[in-house]
Amino acid sequence: WDGILLNGHEAPQGVYVYRIFARFIDGSIYGHRG
């Protein structure tokens, strides 16, 4: 993320929350009962 919002504007300085979830080609899941 480069700090640009989905609407193309700069995000204001501050705290944000991230979430990661991925299913890999071998079927394993990152983020599921990590």
PDB file of all heavy atoms in Angstrom:
ATOM      1  N   TRP A   1       0.838  -1.187   0.000  1.00  0.00           N
ATOM      2  CA  TRP A   1       0.000   0.000   0.000  1.00  0.00           C
ATOM      3  C   TRP A   1       0.873   1.236   0.000  1.00  0.00           C
ATOM      4  O   TRP A   1       1.785   1.370   0.812  1.00  0.00           O
ATOM      5  CB  TRP A   1      -0.906  -0.013   1.226  1.00  0.00           C
ATOM      6  CG  TRP A   1      -1.872   1.122   1.296  1.00  0.00           C
ATOM      7  CD1 TRP A   1      -2.634   1.610   0.280  1.00  0.00           C
ATOM      8  CD2 TRP A   1      -2.197   1.900   2.445  1.00  0.00           C
ATOM      9  NE1 TRP A   1      -3.424   2.639   0.730  1.00  0.00           N
ATOM     10  CE2 TRP A   1      -3.174   2.847   2.056  1.00  0.00           C
ATOM     11  CE3 TRP A   1      -1.766   1.898   3.769  1.00  0.00           C
ATOM     12  CZ2 TRP A   1      -3.717   3.761   2.941  1.00  0.00           C
ATOM     13  CZ3 TRP A   1      -2.324   2.815   4.642  1.00  0.00           C
ATOM     14  CH2 TRP A   1      -3.285   3.738   4.229  1.00  0.00           C
ATOM     15  N   ASP A   2       0.595   2.170  -0.903  1.00  0.00           N
ATOM     16  CA  ASP A   2       1.381   3.399  -1.012  1.00  0.00           C
ATOM     17  C   ASP A   2       0.707   4.594  -0.346  1.00  0.00           C
ATOM     18  O   ASP A   2       1.125   5.735  -0.542  1.00  0.00           O
ATOM     19  CB  ASP A   2       1.677   3.709  -2.482  1.00  0.00           C
ATOM     20  CG  ASP A   2       0.425   3.915  -3.315  1.00  0.00           C
ATOM     21  OD1 ASP A   2      -0.697   3.863  -2.762  1.00  0.00           O
ATOM     22  OD2 ASP A   2       0.567   4.125  -4.539  1.00  0.00           O
ATOM     23  N   GLY A   3      -0.347   4.355   0.422  1.00  0.00           N
ATOM     24  CA  GLY A   3      -1.033   5.449   1.113  1.00  0.00           C
ATOM     25  C   GLY A   3      -2.108   6.123   0.285  1.00  0.00           C
ATOM     26  O   GLY A   3      -2.667   7.127   0.700  1.00  0.00           O
ATOM     27  N   ILE A   4      -2.404   5.538  -0.877  1.00  0.00           N
ATOM     28  CA  ILE A   4      -3.457   6.084  -1.731  1.00  0.00           C
ATOM     29  C   ILE A   4      -4.733   5.267  -1.513  1.00  0.00           C
ATOM     30  O   ILE A   4      -4.703   4.041  -1.516  1.00  0.00           O
ATOM     31  CB  ILE A   4      -3.048   6.064  -3.223  1.00  0.00           C
ATOM     32  CG1 ILE A   4      -1.754   6.855  -3.438  1.00  0.00           C
ATOM     33  CG2 ILE A   4      -4.175   6.584  -4.115  1.00  0.00           C
ATOM     34  CD1 ILE A   4      -1.834   8.328  -3.096  1.00  0.00           C
ATOM     35  N   LEU A   5      -5.854   5.958  -1.338  1.00  0.00           N
ATOM     36  CA  LEU A   5      -7.135   5.300  -1.106  1.00  0.00           C
ATOM     37  C   LEU A   5      -7.693   4.718  -2.397  1.00  0.00           C
ATOM     38  O   LEU A   5      -7.239   5.058  -3.496  1.00  0.00           O
ATOM     39  CB  LEU A   5      -8.132   6.306  -0.526  1.00  0.00           C
ATOM     40  CG  LEU A   5      -7.720   6.977   0.788  1.00  0.00           C
ATOM     41  CD1 LEU A   5      -8.710   8.076   1.150  1.00  0.00           C
ATOM     42  CD2 LEU A   5      -7.614   5.952   1.894  1.00  0.00           C
ATOM     43  N   LEU A   6      -8.708   3.874  -2.288  1.00  0.00           N
ATOM     44  CA  LEU A   6      -9.347   3.279  -3.458  1.00  0.00           C
ATOM     45  C   LEU A   6      -9.885   4.344  -4.416  1.00  0.00           C
ATOM     46  O   LEU A   6      -9.927   4.126  -5.624  1.00  0.00           O
ATOM     47  CB  LEU A   6     -10.494   2.353  -3.025  1.00  0.00           C
ATOM     48  CG  LEU A   6     -10.082   1.054  -2.348  1.00  0.00           C
ATOM     49  CD1 LEU A   6     -11.307   0.331  -1.806  1.00  0.00           C
ATOM     50  CD2 LEU A   6      -9.322   0.159  -3.303  1.00  0.00           C
ATOM     51  N   ASN A   7     -10.265   5.502  -3.884  1.00  0.00           N
ATOM     52  CA  ASN A   7     -10.799   6.570  -4.739  1.00  0.00           C
ATOM     53  C   ASN A   7      -9.703   7.422  -5.374  1.00  0.00           C
ATOM     54  O   ASN A   7      -9.994   8.401  -6.054  1.00  0.00           O
ATOM     55  CB  ASN A   7     -11.778   7.452  -3.954  1.00  0.00           C
ATOM     56  CG  ASN A   7     -11.123   8.201  -2.807  1.00  0.00           C
ATOM     57  OD1 ASN A   7      -9.897   8.263  -2.701  1.00  0.00           O
ATOM     58  ND2 ASN A   7     -11.939   8.774  -1.942  1.00  0.00           N
ATOM     59  N   GLY A   8      -8.427   7.081  -5.133  1.00  0.00           N
ATOM     60  CA  GLY A   8      -7.315   7.788  -5.751  1.00  0.00           C
ATOM     61  C   GLY A   8      -6.752   8.939  -4.950  1.00  0.00           C
ATOM     62  O   GLY A   8      -5.749   9.537  -5.333  1.00  0.00           O
ATOM     63  N   HIS A   9      -7.374   9.283  -3.833  1.00  0.00           N
ATOM     64  CA  HIS A   9      -6.888  10.371  -2.989  1.00  0.00           C
ATOM     65  C   HIS A   9      -5.879   9.855  -1.965  1.00  0.00           C
ATOM     66  O   HIS A   9      -5.882   8.678  -1.614  1.00  0.00           O
ATOM     67  CB  HIS A   9      -8.059  11.040  -2.262  1.00  0.00           C
ATOM     68  CG  HIS A   9      -8.998  11.731  -3.177  1.00  0.00           C
ATOM     69  ND1 HIS A   9     -10.184  11.171  -3.585  1.00  0.00           N
ATOM     70  CD2 HIS A   9      -8.923  12.937  -3.782  1.00  0.00           C
ATOM     71  CE1 HIS A   9     -10.802  11.995  -4.394  1.00  0.00           C
ATOM     72  NE2 HIS A   9     -10.062  13.080  -4.542  1.00  0.00           N
ATOM     73  N   GLU A  10      -5.044  10.758  -1.473  1.00  0.00           N
ATOM     74  CA  GLU A  10      -4.104  10.392  -0.417  1.00  0.00           C
ATOM     75  C   GLU A  10      -4.854  10.136   0.880  1.00  0.00           C
ATOM     76  O   GLU A  10      -5.735  10.903   1.257  1.00  0.00           O
ATOM     77  CB  GLU A  10      -3.083  11.512  -0.182  1.00  0.00           C
ATOM     78  CG  GLU A  10      -2.054  11.626  -1.257  1.00  0.00           C
ATOM     79  CD  GLU A  10      -0.954  12.614  -0.881  1.00  0.00           C
ATOM     80  OE1 GLU A  10      -1.064  13.308   0.154  1.00  0.00           O
ATOM     81  OE2 GLU A  10       0.015  12.675  -1.636  1.00  0.00           O
ATOM     82  N   ALA A  11      -4.487   9.067   1.562  1.00  0.00           N
ATOM     83  CA  ALA A  11      -5.073   8.774   2.868  1.00  0.00           C
ATOM     84  C   ALA A  11      -4.499   9.739   3.894  1.00  0.00           C
ATOM     85  O   ALA A  11      -3.320  10.100   3.819  1.00  0.00           O
ATOM     86  CB  ALA A  11      -4.757   7.336   3.276  1.00  0.00           C
ATOM     87  N   PRO A  12      -5.307  10.156   4.851  1.00  0.00           N
ATOM     88  CA  PRO A  12      -4.760  11.018   5.894  1.00  0.00           C
ATOM     89  C   PRO A  12      -3.795  10.261   6.802  1.00  0.00           C
ATOM     90  O   PRO A  12      -3.904   9.048   6.967  1.00  0.00           O
ATOM     91  CB  PRO A  12      -5.984  11.479   6.675  1.00  0.00           C
ATOM     92  CG  PRO A  12      -7.113  10.624   6.263  1.00  0.00           C
ATOM     93  CD  PRO A  12      -6.729   9.939   4.996  1.00  0.00           C
ATOM     94  N   GLN A  13      -2.849  10.986   7.347  1.00  0.00           N
ATOM     95  CA  GLN A  13      -1.923  10.402   8.313  1.00  0.00           C
ATOM     96  C   GLN A  13      -2.723   9.797   9.456  1.00  0.00           C
ATOM     97  O   GLN A  13      -3.738  10.342   9.870  1.00  0.00           O
ATOM     98  CB  GLN A  13      -1.016  11.510   8.830  1.00  0.00           C
ATOM     99  CG  GLN A  13       0.033  11.049   9.806  1.00  0.00           C
ATOM    100  CD  GLN A  13       1.041  12.130  10.082  1.00  0.00           C
ATOM    101  OE1 GLN A  13       1.745  12.539   9.177  1.00  0.00           O
ATOM    102  NE2 GLN A  13       1.101  12.599  11.312  1.00  0.00           N
ATOM    103  N   GLY A  14      -2.283   8.648   9.951  1.00  0.00           N
ATOM    104  CA  GLY A  14      -2.977   8.032  11.073  1.00  0.00           C
ATOM    105  C   GLY A  14      -2.757   6.533  11.129  1.00  0.00           C
ATOM    106  O   GLY A  14      -1.904   5.984  10.437  1.00  0.00           O
ATOM    107  N   VAL A  15      -3.558   5.879  11.952  1.00  0.00           N
ATOM    108  CA  VAL A  15      -3.450   4.444  12.173  1.00  0.00           C
ATOM    109  C   VAL A  15      -4.476   3.721  11.307  1.00  0.00           C
ATOM    110  O   VAL A  15      -5.628   4.142  11.196  1.00  0.00           O
ATOM    111  CB  VAL A  15      -3.676   4.103  13.664  1.00  0.00           C
ATOM    112  CG1 VAL A  15      -3.653   2.596  13.897  1.00  0.00           C
ATOM    113  CG2 VAL A  15      -2.625   4.793  14.530  1.00  0.00           C
ATOM    114  N   TYR A  16      -4.049   2.623  10.711  1.00  0.00           N
ATOM    115  CA  TYR A  16      -4.886   1.784   9.863  1.00  0.00           C
ATOM    116  C   TYR A  16      -4.719   0.330  10.298  1.00  0.00           C
ATOM    117  O   TYR A  16      -3.740  -0.026  10.946  1.00  0.00           O
ATOM    118  CB  TYR A  16      -4.500   1.951   8.387  1.00  0.00           C
ATOM    119  CG  TYR A  16      -4.819   3.336   7.876  1.00  0.00           C
ATOM    120  CD1 TYR A  16      -3.941   4.398   8.090  1.00  0.00           C
ATOM    121  CD2 TYR A  16      -6.009   3.589   7.218  1.00  0.00           C
ATOM    122  CE1 TYR A  16      -4.248   5.675   7.659  1.00  0.00           C
ATOM    123  CE2 TYR A  16      -6.329   4.877   6.779  1.00  0.00           C
ATOM    124  CZ  TYR A  16      -5.437   5.907   7.008  1.00  0.00           C
ATOM    125  OH  TYR A  16      -5.751   7.164   6.578  1.00  0.00           O
ATOM    126  N   VAL A  17      -5.675  -0.487   9.927  1.00  0.00           N
ATOM    127  CA  VAL A  17      -5.660  -1.904  10.274  1.00  0.00           C
ATOM    128  C   VAL A  17      -5.443  -2.706   8.993  1.00  0.00           C
ATOM    129  O   VAL A  17      -6.062  -2.408   7.964  1.00  0.00           O
ATOM    130  CB  VAL A  17      -6.997  -2.316  10.931  1.00  0.00           C
ATOM    131  CG1 VAL A  17      -7.037  -3.806  11.224  1.00  0.00           C
ATOM    132  CG2 VAL A  17      -7.229  -1.512  12.204  1.00  0.00           C
ATOM    133  N   TYR A  18      -4.569  -3.717   9.065  1.00  0.00           N
ATOM    134  CA  TYR A  18      -4.395  -4.586   7.902  1.00  0.00           C
ATOM    135  C   TYR A  18      -4.887  -5.988   8.235  1.00  0.00           C
ATOM    136  O   TYR A  18      -4.930  -6.409   9.378  1.00  0.00           O
ATOM    137  CB  TYR A  18      -2.934  -4.632   7.433  1.00  0.00           C
ATOM    138  CG  TYR A  18      -1.996  -5.364   8.353  1.00  0.00           C
ATOM    139  CD1 TYR A  18      -1.852  -6.744   8.277  1.00  0.00           C
ATOM    140  CD2 TYR A  18      -1.249  -4.683   9.298  1.00  0.00           C
ATOM    141  CE1 TYR A  18      -0.977  -7.426   9.113  1.00  0.00           C
ATOM    142  CE2 TYR A  18      -0.382  -5.348  10.147  1.00  0.00           C
ATOM    143  CZ  TYR A  18      -0.246  -6.721  10.041  1.00  0.00           C
ATOM    144  OH  TYR A  18       0.604  -7.380  10.883  1.00  0.00           O
ATOM    145  N   ARG A  19      -5.287  -6.714   7.183  1.00  0.00           N
ATOM    146  CA  ARG A  19      -5.699  -8.109   7.306  1.00  0.00           C
ATOM    147  C   ARG A  19      -5.165  -8.862   6.097  1.00  0.00           C
ATOM    148  O   ARG A  19      -5.250  -8.362   4.973  1.00  0.00           O
ATOM    149  CB  ARG A  19      -7.219  -8.219   7.362  1.00  0.00           C
ATOM    150  CG  ARG A  19      -7.701  -9.644   7.548  1.00  0.00           C
ATOM    151  CD  ARG A  19      -9.178  -9.692   7.768  1.00  0.00           C
ATOM    152  NE  ARG A  19      -9.843  -9.423   6.492  1.00  0.00           N
ATOM    153  CZ  ARG A  19     -11.140  -9.516   6.315  1.00  0.00           C
ATOM    154  NH1 ARG A  19     -11.931  -9.813   7.319  1.00  0.00           N
ATOM    155  NH2 ARG A  19     -11.671  -9.275   5.145  1.00  0.00           N
ATOM    156  N   ILE A  20      -4.596 -10.027   6.342  1.00  0.00           N
ATOM    157  CA  ILE A  20      -4.051 -10.854   5.265  1.00  0.00           C
ATOM    158  C   ILE A  20      -4.736 -12.210   5.287  1.00  0.00           C
ATOM    159  O   ILE A  20      -4.856 -12.831   6.341  1.00  0.00           O
ATOM    160  CB  ILE A  20      -2.531 -11.062   5.432  1.00  0.00           C
ATOM    161  CG1 ILE A  20      -1.792  -9.736   5.403  1.00  0.00           C
ATOM    162  CG2 ILE A  20      -1.999 -12.001   4.366  1.00  0.00           C
ATOM    163  CD1 ILE A  20      -0.320  -9.841   5.741  1.00  0.00           C
ATOM    164  N   PHE A  21      -5.178 -12.663   4.118  1.00  0.00           N
ATOM    165  CA  PHE A  21      -5.732 -14.000   3.960  1.00  0.00           C
ATOM    166  C   PHE A  21      -5.329 -14.489   2.576  1.00  0.00           C
ATOM    167  O   PHE A  21      -5.481 -13.762   1.604  1.00  0.00           O
ATOM    168  CB  PHE A  21      -7.254 -13.989   4.080  1.00  0.00           C
ATOM    169  CG  PHE A  21      -7.868 -15.339   3.867  1.00  0.00           C
ATOM    170  CD1 PHE A  21      -7.971 -16.231   4.921  1.00  0.00           C
ATOM    171  CD2 PHE A  21      -8.321 -15.715   2.627  1.00  0.00           C
ATOM    172  CE1 PHE A  21      -8.528 -17.488   4.730  1.00  0.00           C
ATOM    173  CE2 PHE A  21      -8.878 -16.968   2.423  1.00  0.00           C
ATOM    174  CZ  PHE A  21      -8.979 -17.851   3.478  1.00  0.00           C
ATOM    175  N   ALA A  22      -4.813 -15.709   2.481  1.00  0.00           N
ATOM    176  CA  ALA A  22      -4.415 -16.254   1.181  1.00  0.00           C
ATOM    177  C   ALA A  22      -4.567 -17.769   1.167  1.00  0.00           C
ATOM    178  O   ALA A  22      -4.299 -18.431   2.153  1.00  0.00           O
ATOM    179  CB  ALA A  22      -2.974 -15.885   0.862  1.00  0.00           C
ATOM    180  N   ARG A  23      -5.017 -18.290   0.027  1.00  0.00           N
ATOM    181  CA  ARG A  23      -5.040 -19.730  -0.200  1.00  0.00           C
ATOM    182  C   ARG A  23      -3.974 -20.017  -1.255  1.00  0.00           C
ATOM    183  O   ARG A  23      -3.994 -19.463  -2.341  1.00  0.00           O
ATOM    184  CB  ARG A  23      -6.395 -20.205  -0.701  1.00  0.00           C
ATOM    185  CG  ARG A  23      -6.447 -21.717  -0.928  1.00  0.00           C
ATOM    186  CD  ARG A  23      -7.793 -22.168  -1.463  1.00  0.00           C
ATOM    187  NE  ARG A  23      -8.908 -21.632  -0.720  1.00  0.00           N
ATOM    188  CZ  ARG A  23      -9.442 -22.175   0.376  1.00  0.00           C
ATOM    189  NH1 ARG A  23      -8.933 -23.286   0.861  1.00  0.00           N
ATOM    190  NH2 ARG A  23     -10.469 -21.613   0.978  1.00  0.00           N
ATOM    191  N   PHE A  24      -3.030 -20.878  -0.897  1.00  0.00           N
ATOM    192  CA  PHE A  24      -1.915 -21.176  -1.782  1.00  0.00           C
ATOM    193  C   PHE A  24      -2.265 -22.288  -2.763  1.00  0.00           C
ATOM    194  O   PHE A  24      -3.248 -23.009  -2.591  1.00  0.00           O
ATOM    195  CB  PHE A  24      -0.678 -21.551  -0.961  1.00  0.00           C
ATOM    196  CG  PHE A  24      -0.211 -20.426  -0.080  1.00  0.00           C
ATOM    197  CD1 PHE A  24      -0.452 -20.440   1.286  1.00  0.00           C
ATOM    198  CD2 PHE A  24       0.439 -19.332  -0.621  1.00  0.00           C
ATOM    199  CE1 PHE A  24      -0.037 -19.399   2.097  1.00  0.00           C
ATOM    200  CE2 PHE A  24       0.857 -18.283   0.168  1.00  0.00           C
ATOM    201  CZ  PHE A  24       0.615 -18.318   1.536  1.00  0.00           C
ATOM    202  N   ILE A  25      -1.455 -22.419  -3.778  1.00  0.00           N
ATOM    203  CA  ILE A  25      -1.689 -23.394  -4.834  1.00  0.00           C
ATOM    204  C   ILE A  25      -1.770 -24.826  -4.305  1.00  0.00           C
ATOM    205  O   ILE A  25      -2.476 -25.657  -4.860  1.00  0.00           O
ATOM    206  CB  ILE A  25      -0.609 -23.240  -5.934  1.00  0.00           C
ATOM    207  CG1 ILE A  25      -1.173 -23.534  -7.278  1.00  0.00           C
ATOM    208  CG2 ILE A  25       0.598 -24.058  -5.656  1.00  0.00           C
ATOM    209  CD1 ILE A  25      -0.315 -23.043  -8.422  1.00  0.00           C
ATOM    210  N   ASP A  26      -1.086 -25.106  -3.199  1.00  0.00           N
ATOM    211  CA  ASP A  26      -1.136 -26.455  -2.609  1.00  0.00           C
ATOM    212  C   ASP A  26      -2.351 -26.647  -1.711  1.00  0.00           C
ATOM    213  O   ASP A  26      -2.525 -27.699  -1.097  1.00  0.00           O
ATOM    214  CB  ASP A  26       0.143 -26.759  -1.838  1.00  0.00           C
ATOM    215  CG  ASP A  26       0.302 -25.917  -0.576  1.00  0.00           C
ATOM    216  OD1 ASP A  26      -0.559 -25.062  -0.299  1.00  0.00           O
ATOM    217  OD2 ASP A  26       1.300 -26.126   0.132  1.00  0.00           O
ATOM    218  N   GLY A  27      -3.222 -25.631  -1.634  1.00  0.00           N
ATOM    219  CA  GLY A  27      -4.437 -25.724  -0.841  1.00  0.00           C
ATOM    220  C   GLY A  27      -4.299 -25.222   0.581  1.00  0.00           C
ATOM    221  O   GLY A  27      -5.295 -25.058   1.281  1.00  0.00           O
ATOM    222  N   SER A  28      -3.079 -24.972   1.034  1.00  0.00           N
ATOM    223  CA  SER A  28      -2.900 -24.470   2.391  1.00  0.00           C
ATOM    224  C   SER A  28      -3.403 -23.028   2.467  1.00  0.00           C
ATOM    225  O   SER A  28      -3.431 -22.311   1.477  1.00  0.00           O
ATOM    226  CB  SER A  28      -1.441 -24.557   2.832  1.00  0.00           C
ATOM    227  OG  SER A  28      -0.624 -23.761   2.013  1.00  0.00           O
ATOM    228  N   ILE A  29      -3.808 -22.642   3.660  1.00  0.00           N
ATOM    229  CA  ILE A  29      -4.396 -21.317   3.861  1.00  0.00           C
ATOM    230  C   ILE A  29      -3.552 -20.530   4.839  1.00  0.00           C
ATOM    231  O   ILE A  29      -3.309 -20.976   5.955  1.00  0.00           O
ATOM    232  CB  ILE A  29      -5.839 -21.427   4.387  1.00  0.00           C
ATOM    233  CG1 ILE A  29      -6.704 -22.182   3.378  1.00  0.00           C
ATOM    234  CG2 ILE A  29      -6.411 -20.039   4.666  1.00  0.00           C
ATOM    235  CD1 ILE A  29      -8.093 -22.477   3.879  1.00  0.00           C
ATOM    236  N   TYR A  30      -3.100 -19.359   4.414  1.00  0.00           N
ATOM    237  CA  TYR A  30      -2.388 -18.447   5.298  1.00  0.00           C
ATOM    238  C   TYR A  30      -3.436 -17.613   6.001  1.00  0.00           C
ATOM    239  O   TYR A  30      -4.305 -17.021   5.372  1.00  0.00           O
ATOM    240  CB  TYR A  30      -1.456 -17.535   4.499  1.00  0.00           C
ATOM    241  CG  TYR A  30      -0.693 -16.564   5.364  1.00  0.00           C
ATOM    242  CD1 TYR A  30       0.508 -16.929   5.927  1.00  0.00           C
ATOM    243  CD2 TYR A  30      -1.194 -15.303   5.631  1.00  0.00           C
ATOM    244  CE1 TYR A  30       1.217 -16.043   6.727  1.00  0.00           C
ATOM    245  CE2 TYR A  30      -0.499 -14.420   6.428  1.00  0.00           C
ATOM    246  CZ  TYR A  30       0.697 -14.799   6.974  1.00  0.00           C
ATOM    247  OH  TYR A  30       1.375 -13.925   7.768  1.00  0.00           O
ATOM    248  N   GLY A  31      -3.366 -17.582   7.303  1.00  0.00           N
ATOM    249  CA  GLY A  31      -4.311 -16.784   8.056  1.00  0.00           C
ATOM    250  C   GLY A  31      -5.467 -17.585   8.618  1.00  0.00           C
ATOM    251  O   GLY A  31      -6.312 -17.053   9.304  1.00  0.00           O
ATOM    252  N   HIS A  32      -5.519 -18.875   8.328  1.00  0.00           N
ATOM    253  CA  HIS A  32      -6.588 -19.724   8.864  1.00  0.00           C
ATOM    254  C   HIS A  32      -6.021 -20.578   9.975  1.00  0.00           C
ATOM    255  O   HIS A  32      -5.210 -21.461   9.718  1.00  0.00           O
ATOM    256  CB  HIS A  32      -7.161 -20.605   7.764  1.00  0.00           C
ATOM    257  CG  HIS A  32      -8.256 -21.504   8.245  1.00  0.00           C
ATOM    258  ND1 HIS A  32      -9.499 -21.022   8.566  1.00  0.00           N
ATOM    259  CD2 HIS A  32      -8.283 -22.823   8.461  1.00  0.00           C
ATOM    260  CE1 HIS A  32     -10.257 -22.036   8.950  1.00  0.00           C
ATOM    261  NE2 HIS A  32      -9.541 -23.134   8.892  1.00  0.00           N
ATOM    262  N   ARG A  33      -6.418 -20.255  11.216  1.00  0.00           N
ATOM    263  CA  ARG A  33      -5.853 -20.959  12.364  1.00  0.00           C
ATOM    264  C   ARG A  33      -4.341 -20.972  12.235  1.00  0.00           C
ATOM    265  O   ARG A  33      -3.701 -22.013  12.230  1.00  0.00           O
ATOM    266  CB  ARG A  33      -6.408 -22.372  12.473  1.00  0.00           C
ATOM    267  CG  ARG A  33      -7.886 -22.380  12.718  1.00  0.00           C
ATOM    268  CD  ARG A  33      -8.401 -23.755  12.940  1.00  0.00           C
ATOM    269  NE  ARG A  33      -9.848 -23.686  13.064  1.00  0.00           N
ATOM    270  CZ  ARG A  33     -10.641 -24.671  12.791  1.00  0.00           C
ATOM    271  NH1 ARG A  33     -10.176 -25.812  12.380  1.00  0.00           N
ATOM    272  NH2 ARG A  33     -11.942 -24.529  12.931  1.00  0.00           N
ATOM    273  N   GLY A  34      -3.818 -19.774  12.080  1.00  0.00           N
ATOM    274  CA  GLY A  34      -2.414 -19.563  11.770  1.00  0.00           C
ATOM    275  C   GLY A  34      -1.442 -20.321  12.658  1.00  0.00           C
ATOM    276  O   GLY A  34      -1.699 -20.593  13.806  1.00  0.00           O
TER     277      GLY A  34
END
